[in-house]
Amino acid sequence: RFCAAPVQWSRKVVADGHVKAVIL
């Protein structure tokens, strides 16, 4: 329940089924 900021961001990114790049 305390998911990190990048998780919150990436959930929105992946929601449409498209990802061009991942920065880690």
mmCIF file of all heavy atoms, coordinates in Angstrom:
data_MODEL
# 
_entry.id   MODEL 
# 
loop_
_atom_site.group_PDB 
_atom_site.id 
_atom_site.type_symbol 
_atom_site.label_atom_id 
_atom_site.label_alt_id 
_atom_site.label_comp_id 
_atom_site.label_asym_id 
_atom_site.label_entity_id 
_atom_site.label_seq_id 
_atom_site.pdbx_PDB_ins_code 
_atom_site.Cartn_x 
_atom_site.Cartn_y 
_atom_site.Cartn_z 
_atom_site.occupancy 
_atom_site.B_iso_or_equiv 
_atom_site.pdbx_formal_charge 
_atom_site.auth_seq_id 
_atom_site.auth_comp_id 
_atom_site.auth_asym_id 
_atom_site.auth_atom_id 
_atom_site.pdbx_PDB_model_num 
ATOM 1   N N   . ARG A 1 1  ? 0.812  -1.218 0.000   1.00 0.00 ? 1  ARG A N   1 
ATOM 2   C CA  . ARG A 1 1  ? 0.000  0.000  0.000   1.00 0.00 ? 1  ARG A CA  1 
ATOM 3   C C   . ARG A 1 1  ? 0.847  1.270  0.000   1.00 0.00 ? 1  ARG A C   1 
ATOM 4   O O   . ARG A 1 1  ? 0.354  2.349  -0.311  1.00 0.00 ? 1  ARG A O   1 
ATOM 5   C CB  . ARG A 1 1  ? -0.947 -0.018 1.203   1.00 0.00 ? 1  ARG A CB  1 
ATOM 6   C CG  . ARG A 1 1  ? -2.032 -1.100 1.068   1.00 0.00 ? 1  ARG A CG  1 
ATOM 7   C CD  . ARG A 1 1  ? -2.793 -1.298 2.351   1.00 0.00 ? 1  ARG A CD  1 
ATOM 8   N NE  . ARG A 1 1  ? -3.540 -0.102 2.729   1.00 0.00 ? 1  ARG A NE  1 
ATOM 9   C CZ  . ARG A 1 1  ? -4.187 0.012  3.891   1.00 0.00 ? 1  ARG A CZ  1 
ATOM 10  N NH1 . ARG A 1 1  ? -4.156 -0.983 4.771   1.00 0.00 ? 1  ARG A NH1 1 
ATOM 11  N NH2 . ARG A 1 1  ? -4.853 1.124  4.161   1.00 0.00 ? 1  ARG A NH2 1 
ATOM 12  N N   . PHE A 1 2  ? 2.128  1.141  0.336   1.00 0.00 ? 2  PHE A N   1 
ATOM 13  C CA  . PHE A 1 2  ? 3.046  2.275  0.269   1.00 0.00 ? 2  PHE A CA  1 
ATOM 14  C C   . PHE A 1 2  ? 3.881  2.179  -1.009  1.00 0.00 ? 2  PHE A C   1 
ATOM 15  O O   . PHE A 1 2  ? 5.102  2.325  -0.975  1.00 0.00 ? 2  PHE A O   1 
ATOM 16  C CB  . PHE A 1 2  ? 3.953  2.312  1.500   1.00 0.00 ? 2  PHE A CB  1 
ATOM 17  C CG  . PHE A 1 2  ? 3.240  2.720  2.756   1.00 0.00 ? 2  PHE A CG  1 
ATOM 18  C CD1 . PHE A 1 2  ? 2.714  1.766  3.619   1.00 0.00 ? 2  PHE A CD1 1 
ATOM 19  C CD2 . PHE A 1 2  ? 3.069  4.056  3.083   1.00 0.00 ? 2  PHE A CD2 1 
ATOM 20  C CE1 . PHE A 1 2  ? 2.045  2.120  4.773   1.00 0.00 ? 2  PHE A CE1 1 
ATOM 21  C CE2 . PHE A 1 2  ? 2.407  4.433  4.244   1.00 0.00 ? 2  PHE A CE2 1 
ATOM 22  C CZ  . PHE A 1 2  ? 1.890  3.464  5.092   1.00 0.00 ? 2  PHE A CZ  1 
ATOM 23  N N   . CYS A 1 3  ? 3.221  1.923  -2.136  1.00 0.00 ? 3  CYS A N   1 
ATOM 24  C CA  . CYS A 1 3  ? 3.966  1.729  -3.374  1.00 0.00 ? 3  CYS A CA  1 
ATOM 25  C C   . CYS A 1 3  ? 4.713  3.006  -3.747  1.00 0.00 ? 3  CYS A C   1 
ATOM 26  O O   . CYS A 1 3  ? 4.239  4.127  -3.545  1.00 0.00 ? 3  CYS A O   1 
ATOM 27  C CB  . CYS A 1 3  ? 3.042  1.283  -4.504  1.00 0.00 ? 3  CYS A CB  1 
ATOM 28  S SG  . CYS A 1 3  ? 1.804  2.476  -5.004  1.00 0.00 ? 3  CYS A SG  1 
ATOM 29  N N   . ALA A 1 4  ? 5.896  2.808  -4.295  1.00 0.00 ? 4  ALA A N   1 
ATOM 30  C CA  . ALA A 1 4  ? 6.807  3.912  -4.585  1.00 0.00 ? 4  ALA A CA  1 
ATOM 31  C C   . ALA A 1 4  ? 6.329  4.772  -5.745  1.00 0.00 ? 4  ALA A C   1 
ATOM 32  O O   . ALA A 1 4  ? 5.503  4.356  -6.566  1.00 0.00 ? 4  ALA A O   1 
ATOM 33  C CB  . ALA A 1 4  ? 8.191  3.352  -4.891  1.00 0.00 ? 4  ALA A CB  1 
ATOM 34  N N   . ALA A 1 5  ? 6.892  5.978  -5.831  1.00 0.00 ? 5  ALA A N   1 
ATOM 35  C CA  . ALA A 1 5  ? 6.544  6.915  -6.896  1.00 0.00 ? 5  ALA A CA  1 
ATOM 36  C C   . ALA A 1 5  ? 6.732  6.322  -8.288  1.00 0.00 ? 5  ALA A C   1 
ATOM 37  O O   . ALA A 1 5  ? 5.847  6.477  -9.147  1.00 0.00 ? 5  ALA A O   1 
ATOM 38  C CB  . ALA A 1 5  ? 7.364  8.198  -6.742  1.00 0.00 ? 5  ALA A CB  1 
ATOM 39  N N   . PRO A 1 6  ? 7.852  5.638  -8.567  1.00 0.00 ? 6  PRO A N   1 
ATOM 40  C CA  . PRO A 1 6  ? 7.992  5.066  -9.909  1.00 0.00 ? 6  PRO A CA  1 
ATOM 41  C C   . PRO A 1 6  ? 6.942  4.010  -10.226 1.00 0.00 ? 6  PRO A C   1 
ATOM 42  O O   . PRO A 1 6  ? 6.552  3.852  -11.396 1.00 0.00 ? 6  PRO A O   1 
ATOM 43  C CB  . PRO A 1 6  ? 9.412  4.463  -9.893  1.00 0.00 ? 6  PRO A CB  1 
ATOM 44  C CG  . PRO A 1 6  ? 9.785  4.355  -8.458  1.00 0.00 ? 6  PRO A CG  1 
ATOM 45  C CD  . PRO A 1 6  ? 9.078  5.468  -7.771  1.00 0.00 ? 6  PRO A CD  1 
ATOM 46  N N   . VAL A 1 7  ? 6.461  3.292  -9.219  1.00 0.00 ? 7  VAL A N   1 
ATOM 47  C CA  . VAL A 1 7  ? 5.391  2.319  -9.442  1.00 0.00 ? 7  VAL A CA  1 
ATOM 48  C C   . VAL A 1 7  ? 4.101  3.057  -9.814  1.00 0.00 ? 7  VAL A C   1 
ATOM 49  O O   . VAL A 1 7  ? 3.392  2.668  -10.757 1.00 0.00 ? 7  VAL A O   1 
ATOM 50  C CB  . VAL A 1 7  ? 5.169  1.439  -8.195  1.00 0.00 ? 7  VAL A CB  1 
ATOM 51  C CG1 . VAL A 1 7  ? 3.919  0.578  -8.348  1.00 0.00 ? 7  VAL A CG1 1 
ATOM 52  C CG2 . VAL A 1 7  ? 6.390  0.559  -7.950  1.00 0.00 ? 7  VAL A CG2 1 
ATOM 53  N N   . GLN A 1 8  ? 3.806  4.110  -9.093  1.00 0.00 ? 8  GLN A N   1 
ATOM 54  C CA  . GLN A 1 8  ? 2.611  4.895  -9.400  1.00 0.00 ? 8  GLN A CA  1 
ATOM 55  C C   . GLN A 1 8  ? 2.675  5.443  -10.829 1.00 0.00 ? 8  GLN A C   1 
ATOM 56  O O   . GLN A 1 8  ? 1.679  5.416  -11.569 1.00 0.00 ? 8  GLN A O   1 
ATOM 57  C CB  . GLN A 1 8  ? 2.483  6.046  -8.405  1.00 0.00 ? 8  GLN A CB  1 
ATOM 58  C CG  . GLN A 1 8  ? 2.280  5.604  -6.955  1.00 0.00 ? 8  GLN A CG  1 
ATOM 59  C CD  . GLN A 1 8  ? 2.353  6.782  -5.999  1.00 0.00 ? 8  GLN A CD  1 
ATOM 60  O OE1 . GLN A 1 8  ? 1.866  7.869  -6.279  1.00 0.00 ? 8  GLN A OE1 1 
ATOM 61  N NE2 . GLN A 1 8  ? 2.979  6.576  -4.842  1.00 0.00 ? 8  GLN A NE2 1 
ATOM 62  N N   . TRP A 1 9  ? 3.846  5.934  -11.223 1.00 0.00 ? 9  TRP A N   1 
ATOM 63  C CA  . TRP A 1 9  ? 4.011  6.468  -12.569 1.00 0.00 ? 9  TRP A CA  1 
ATOM 64  C C   . TRP A 1 9  ? 3.874  5.367  -13.621 1.00 0.00 ? 9  TRP A C   1 
ATOM 65  O O   . TRP A 1 9  ? 3.128  5.498  -14.599 1.00 0.00 ? 9  TRP A O   1 
ATOM 66  C CB  . TRP A 1 9  ? 5.375  7.147  -12.707 1.00 0.00 ? 9  TRP A CB  1 
ATOM 67  C CG  . TRP A 1 9  ? 5.693  7.530  -14.135 1.00 0.00 ? 9  TRP A CG  1 
ATOM 68  C CD1 . TRP A 1 9  ? 6.425  6.814  -15.037 1.00 0.00 ? 9  TRP A CD1 1 
ATOM 69  C CD2 . TRP A 1 9  ? 5.232  8.682  -14.835 1.00 0.00 ? 9  TRP A CD2 1 
ATOM 70  N NE1 . TRP A 1 9  ? 6.468  7.452  -16.251 1.00 0.00 ? 9  TRP A NE1 1 
ATOM 71  C CE2 . TRP A 1 9  ? 5.740  8.603  -16.152 1.00 0.00 ? 9  TRP A CE2 1 
ATOM 72  C CE3 . TRP A 1 9  ? 4.447  9.781  -14.476 1.00 0.00 ? 9  TRP A CE3 1 
ATOM 73  C CZ2 . TRP A 1 9  ? 5.485  9.584  -17.108 1.00 0.00 ? 9  TRP A CZ2 1 
ATOM 74  C CZ3 . TRP A 1 9  ? 4.188  10.757 -15.440 1.00 0.00 ? 9  TRP A CZ3 1 
ATOM 75  C CH2 . TRP A 1 9  ? 4.707  10.656 -16.733 1.00 0.00 ? 9  TRP A CH2 1 
ATOM 76  N N   . SER A 1 10 ? 4.582  4.257  -13.402 1.00 0.00 ? 10 SER A N   1 
ATOM 77  C CA  . SER A 1 10 ? 4.629  3.198  -14.414 1.00 0.00 ? 10 SER A CA  1 
ATOM 78  C C   . SER A 1 10 ? 3.298  2.491  -14.578 1.00 0.00 ? 10 SER A C   1 
ATOM 79  O O   . SER A 1 10 ? 2.972  2.017  -15.670 1.00 0.00 ? 10 SER A O   1 
ATOM 80  C CB  . SER A 1 10 ? 5.737  2.197  -14.069 1.00 0.00 ? 10 SER A CB  1 
ATOM 81  O OG  . SER A 1 10 ? 7.006  2.824  -14.123 1.00 0.00 ? 10 SER A OG  1 
ATOM 82  N N   . ARG A 1 11 ? 2.503  2.409  -13.506 1.00 0.00 ? 11 ARG A N   1 
ATOM 83  C CA  . ARG A 1 11 ? 1.163  1.828  -13.643 1.00 0.00 ? 11 ARG A CA  1 
ATOM 84  C C   . ARG A 1 11 ? 0.351  2.588  -14.690 1.00 0.00 ? 11 ARG A C   1 
ATOM 85  O O   . ARG A 1 11 ? -0.367 1.997  -15.504 1.00 0.00 ? 11 ARG A O   1 
ATOM 86  C CB  . ARG A 1 11 ? 0.437  1.869  -12.300 1.00 0.00 ? 11 ARG A CB  1 
ATOM 87  C CG  . ARG A 1 11 ? 0.717  0.682  -11.404 1.00 0.00 ? 11 ARG A CG  1 
ATOM 88  C CD  . ARG A 1 11 ? -0.087 0.765  -10.135 1.00 0.00 ? 11 ARG A CD  1 
ATOM 89  N NE  . ARG A 1 11 ? 0.114  -0.400 -9.296  1.00 0.00 ? 11 ARG A NE  1 
ATOM 90  C CZ  . ARG A 1 11 ? 0.060  -0.389 -7.978  1.00 0.00 ? 11 ARG A CZ  1 
ATOM 91  N NH1 . ARG A 1 11 ? -0.175 0.749  -7.329  1.00 0.00 ? 11 ARG A NH1 1 
ATOM 92  N NH2 . ARG A 1 11 ? 0.239  -1.494 -7.290  1.00 0.00 ? 11 ARG A NH2 1 
ATOM 93  N N   . LYS A 1 12 ? 0.450  3.907  -14.652 1.00 0.00 ? 12 LYS A N   1 
ATOM 94  C CA  . LYS A 1 12 ? -0.279 4.726  -15.616 1.00 0.00 ? 12 LYS A CA  1 
ATOM 95  C C   . LYS A 1 12 ? 0.275  4.531  -17.026 1.00 0.00 ? 12 LYS A C   1 
ATOM 96  O O   . LYS A 1 12 ? -0.485 4.479  -18.005 1.00 0.00 ? 12 LYS A O   1 
ATOM 97  C CB  . LYS A 1 12 ? -0.197 6.200  -15.211 1.00 0.00 ? 12 LYS A CB  1 
ATOM 98  C CG  . LYS A 1 12 ? -0.918 6.521  -13.906 1.00 0.00 ? 12 LYS A CG  1 
ATOM 99  C CD  . LYS A 1 12 ? -0.807 8.001  -13.561 1.00 0.00 ? 12 LYS A CD  1 
ATOM 100 C CE  . LYS A 1 12 ? -1.536 8.336  -12.266 1.00 0.00 ? 12 LYS A CE  1 
ATOM 101 N NZ  . LYS A 1 12 ? -1.419 9.782  -11.913 1.00 0.00 ? 12 LYS A NZ  1 
ATOM 102 N N   . VAL A 1 13 ? 1.596  4.408  -17.121 1.00 0.00 ? 13 VAL A N   1 
ATOM 103 C CA  . VAL A 1 13 ? 2.236  4.243  -18.426 1.00 0.00 ? 13 VAL A CA  1 
ATOM 104 C C   . VAL A 1 13 ? 1.797  2.950  -19.100 1.00 0.00 ? 13 VAL A C   1 
ATOM 105 O O   . VAL A 1 13 ? 1.458  2.920  -20.290 1.00 0.00 ? 13 VAL A O   1 
ATOM 106 C CB  . VAL A 1 13 ? 3.777  4.279  -18.273 1.00 0.00 ? 13 VAL A CB  1 
ATOM 107 C CG1 . VAL A 1 13 ? 4.458  3.811  -19.562 1.00 0.00 ? 13 VAL A CG1 1 
ATOM 108 C CG2 . VAL A 1 13 ? 4.237  5.683  -17.904 1.00 0.00 ? 13 VAL A CG2 1 
ATOM 109 N N   . VAL A 1 14 ? 1.793  1.855  -18.335 1.00 0.00 ? 14 VAL A N   1 
ATOM 110 C CA  . VAL A 1 14 ? 1.523  0.537  -18.903 1.00 0.00 ? 14 VAL A CA  1 
ATOM 111 C C   . VAL A 1 14 ? 0.030  0.294  -19.143 1.00 0.00 ? 14 VAL A C   1 
ATOM 112 O O   . VAL A 1 14 ? -0.347 -0.624 -19.875 1.00 0.00 ? 14 VAL A O   1 
ATOM 113 C CB  . VAL A 1 14 ? 2.103  -0.566 -17.986 1.00 0.00 ? 14 VAL A CB  1 
ATOM 114 C CG1 . VAL A 1 14 ? 1.886  -1.949 -18.576 1.00 0.00 ? 14 VAL A CG1 1 
ATOM 115 C CG2 . VAL A 1 14 ? 3.588  -0.338 -17.766 1.00 0.00 ? 14 VAL A CG2 1 
ATOM 116 N N   . ALA A 1 15 ? -0.807 1.138  -18.581 1.00 0.00 ? 15 ALA A N   1 
ATOM 117 C CA  . ALA A 1 15 ? -2.264 0.913  -18.642 1.00 0.00 ? 15 ALA A CA  1 
ATOM 118 C C   . ALA A 1 15 ? -2.787 0.762  -20.061 1.00 0.00 ? 15 ALA A C   1 
ATOM 119 O O   . ALA A 1 15 ? -3.753 0.021  -20.297 1.00 0.00 ? 15 ALA A O   1 
ATOM 120 C CB  . ALA A 1 15 ? -2.988 2.048  -17.932 1.00 0.00 ? 15 ALA A CB  1 
ATOM 121 N N   . ASP A 1 16 ? -2.166 1.428  -21.031 1.00 0.00 ? 16 ASP A N   1 
ATOM 122 C CA  . ASP A 1 16 ? -2.656 1.331  -22.409 1.00 0.00 ? 16 ASP A CA  1 
ATOM 123 C C   . ASP A 1 16 ? -1.959 0.235  -23.208 1.00 0.00 ? 16 ASP A C   1 
ATOM 124 O O   . ASP A 1 16 ? -2.193 0.075  -24.407 1.00 0.00 ? 16 ASP A O   1 
ATOM 125 C CB  . ASP A 1 16 ? -2.515 2.672  -23.132 1.00 0.00 ? 16 ASP A CB  1 
ATOM 126 C CG  . ASP A 1 16 ? -1.066 3.097  -23.374 1.00 0.00 ? 16 ASP A CG  1 
ATOM 127 O OD1 . ASP A 1 16 ? -0.146 2.391  -22.888 1.00 0.00 ? 16 ASP A OD1 1 
ATOM 128 O OD2 . ASP A 1 16 ? -0.844 4.120  -24.043 1.00 0.00 ? 16 ASP A OD2 1 
ATOM 129 N N   . GLY A 1 17 ? -1.078 -0.535 -22.544 1.00 0.00 ? 17 GLY A N   1 
ATOM 130 C CA  . GLY A 1 17 ? -0.421 -1.654 -23.212 1.00 0.00 ? 17 GLY A CA  1 
ATOM 131 C C   . GLY A 1 17 ? 0.729  -1.293 -24.111 1.00 0.00 ? 17 GLY A C   1 
ATOM 132 O O   . GLY A 1 17 ? 1.153  -2.101 -24.950 1.00 0.00 ? 17 GLY A O   1 
ATOM 133 N N   . HIS A 1 18 ? 1.291  -0.082 -23.924 1.00 0.00 ? 18 HIS A N   1 
ATOM 134 C CA  . HIS A 1 18 ? 2.405  0.357  -24.770 1.00 0.00 ? 18 HIS A CA  1 
ATOM 135 C C   . HIS A 1 18 ? 3.520  0.941  -23.908 1.00 0.00 ? 18 HIS A C   1 
ATOM 136 O O   . HIS A 1 18 ? 3.266  1.792  -23.051 1.00 0.00 ? 18 HIS A O   1 
ATOM 137 C CB  . HIS A 1 18 ? 1.947  1.410  -25.778 1.00 0.00 ? 18 HIS A CB  1 
ATOM 138 C CG  . HIS A 1 18 ? 0.923  0.909  -26.748 1.00 0.00 ? 18 HIS A CG  1 
ATOM 139 N ND1 . HIS A 1 18 ? 1.249  0.169  -27.865 1.00 0.00 ? 18 HIS A ND1 1 
ATOM 140 C CD2 . HIS A 1 18 ? -0.434 1.018  -26.737 1.00 0.00 ? 18 HIS A CD2 1 
ATOM 141 C CE1 . HIS A 1 18 ? 0.138  -0.143 -28.511 1.00 0.00 ? 18 HIS A CE1 1 
ATOM 142 N NE2 . HIS A 1 18 ? -0.890 0.355  -27.855 1.00 0.00 ? 18 HIS A NE2 1 
ATOM 143 N N   . VAL A 1 19 ? 4.751  0.490  -24.147 1.00 0.00 ? 19 VAL A N   1 
ATOM 144 C CA  . VAL A 1 19 ? 5.932  1.049  -23.482 1.00 0.00 ? 19 VAL A CA  1 
ATOM 145 C C   . VAL A 1 19 ? 7.063  1.113  -24.501 1.00 0.00 ? 19 VAL A C   1 
ATOM 146 O O   . VAL A 1 19 ? 7.397  0.108  -25.134 1.00 0.00 ? 19 VAL A O   1 
ATOM 147 C CB  . VAL A 1 19 ? 6.370  0.199  -22.267 1.00 0.00 ? 19 VAL A CB  1 
ATOM 148 C CG1 . VAL A 1 19 ? 7.727  0.667  -21.741 1.00 0.00 ? 19 VAL A CG1 1 
ATOM 149 C CG2 . VAL A 1 19 ? 5.336  0.263  -21.157 1.00 0.00 ? 19 VAL A CG2 1 
ATOM 150 N N   . LYS A 1 20 ? 7.652  2.285  -24.640 1.00 0.00 ? 20 LYS A N   1 
ATOM 151 C CA  . LYS A 1 20 ? 8.762  2.488  -25.563 1.00 0.00 ? 20 LYS A CA  1 
ATOM 152 C C   . LYS A 1 20 ? 10.105 2.252  -24.885 1.00 0.00 ? 20 LYS A C   1 
ATOM 153 O O   . LYS A 1 20 ? 11.057 1.770  -25.514 1.00 0.00 ? 20 LYS A O   1 
ATOM 154 C CB  . LYS A 1 20 ? 8.702  3.920  -26.126 1.00 0.00 ? 20 LYS A CB  1 
ATOM 155 C CG  . LYS A 1 20 ? 9.872  4.322  -27.001 1.00 0.00 ? 20 LYS A CG  1 
ATOM 156 C CD  . LYS A 1 20 ? 9.932  3.526  -28.291 1.00 0.00 ? 20 LYS A CD  1 
ATOM 157 C CE  . LYS A 1 20 ? 11.058 4.038  -29.201 1.00 0.00 ? 20 LYS A CE  1 
ATOM 158 N NZ  . LYS A 1 20 ? 11.220 3.183  -30.400 1.00 0.00 ? 20 LYS A NZ  1 
ATOM 159 N N   . ALA A 1 21 ? 10.186 2.597  -23.615 1.00 0.00 ? 21 ALA A N   1 
ATOM 160 C CA  . ALA A 1 21 ? 11.471 2.481  -22.913 1.00 0.00 ? 21 ALA A CA  1 
ATOM 161 C C   . ALA A 1 21 ? 11.248 2.336  -21.419 1.00 0.00 ? 21 ALA A C   1 
ATOM 162 O O   . ALA A 1 21 ? 10.188 2.702  -20.890 1.00 0.00 ? 21 ALA A O   1 
ATOM 163 C CB  . ALA A 1 21 ? 12.343 3.707  -23.192 1.00 0.00 ? 21 ALA A CB  1 
ATOM 164 N N   . VAL A 1 22 ? 12.260 1.795  -20.744 1.00 0.00 ? 22 VAL A N   1 
ATOM 165 C CA  . VAL A 1 22 ? 12.258 1.676  -19.291 1.00 0.00 ? 22 VAL A CA  1 
ATOM 166 C C   . VAL A 1 22 ? 13.570 2.241  -18.769 1.00 0.00 ? 22 VAL A C   1 
ATOM 167 O O   . VAL A 1 22 ? 14.647 1.845  -19.227 1.00 0.00 ? 22 VAL A O   1 
ATOM 168 C CB  . VAL A 1 22 ? 12.141 0.204  -18.829 1.00 0.00 ? 22 VAL A CB  1 
ATOM 169 C CG1 . VAL A 1 22 ? 11.954 0.151  -17.317 1.00 0.00 ? 22 VAL A CG1 1 
ATOM 170 C CG2 . VAL A 1 22 ? 11.029 -0.513 -19.548 1.00 0.00 ? 22 VAL A CG2 1 
ATOM 171 N N   . ILE A 1 23 ? 13.482 3.154  -17.830 1.00 0.00 ? 23 ILE A N   1 
ATOM 172 C CA  . ILE A 1 23 ? 14.664 3.704  -17.178 1.00 0.00 ? 23 ILE A CA  1 
ATOM 173 C C   . ILE A 1 23 ? 14.667 3.202  -15.732 1.00 0.00 ? 23 ILE A C   1 
ATOM 174 O O   . ILE A 1 23 ? 13.650 3.284  -15.038 1.00 0.00 ? 23 ILE A O   1 
ATOM 175 C CB  . ILE A 1 23 ? 14.696 5.250  -17.246 1.00 0.00 ? 23 ILE A CB  1 
ATOM 176 C CG1 . ILE A 1 23 ? 15.986 5.811  -16.667 1.00 0.00 ? 23 ILE A CG1 1 
ATOM 177 C CG2 . ILE A 1 23 ? 13.467 5.879  -16.612 1.00 0.00 ? 23 ILE A CG2 1 
ATOM 178 C CD1 . ILE A 1 23 ? 17.185 5.685  -17.564 1.00 0.00 ? 23 ILE A CD1 1 
ATOM 179 N N   . LEU A 1 24 ? 15.785 2.633  -15.300 1.00 0.00 ? 24 LEU A N   1 
ATOM 180 C CA  . LEU A 1 24 ? 15.864 2.017  -13.982 1.00 0.00 ? 24 LEU A CA  1 
ATOM 181 C C   . LEU A 1 24 ? 17.078 2.536  -13.225 1.00 0.00 ? 24 LEU A C   1 
ATOM 182 O O   . LEU A 1 24 ? 18.147 2.732  -13.813 1.00 0.00 ? 24 LEU A O   1 
ATOM 183 C CB  . LEU A 1 24 ? 15.978 0.488  -14.089 1.00 0.00 ? 24 LEU A CB  1 
ATOM 184 C CG  . LEU A 1 24 ? 15.025 -0.263 -15.019 1.00 0.00 ? 24 LEU A CG  1 
ATOM 185 C CD1 . LEU A 1 24 ? 15.642 -0.454 -16.404 1.00 0.00 ? 24 LEU A CD1 1 
ATOM 186 C CD2 . LEU A 1 24 ? 14.664 -1.622 -14.444 1.00 0.00 ? 24 LEU A CD2 1 
# 
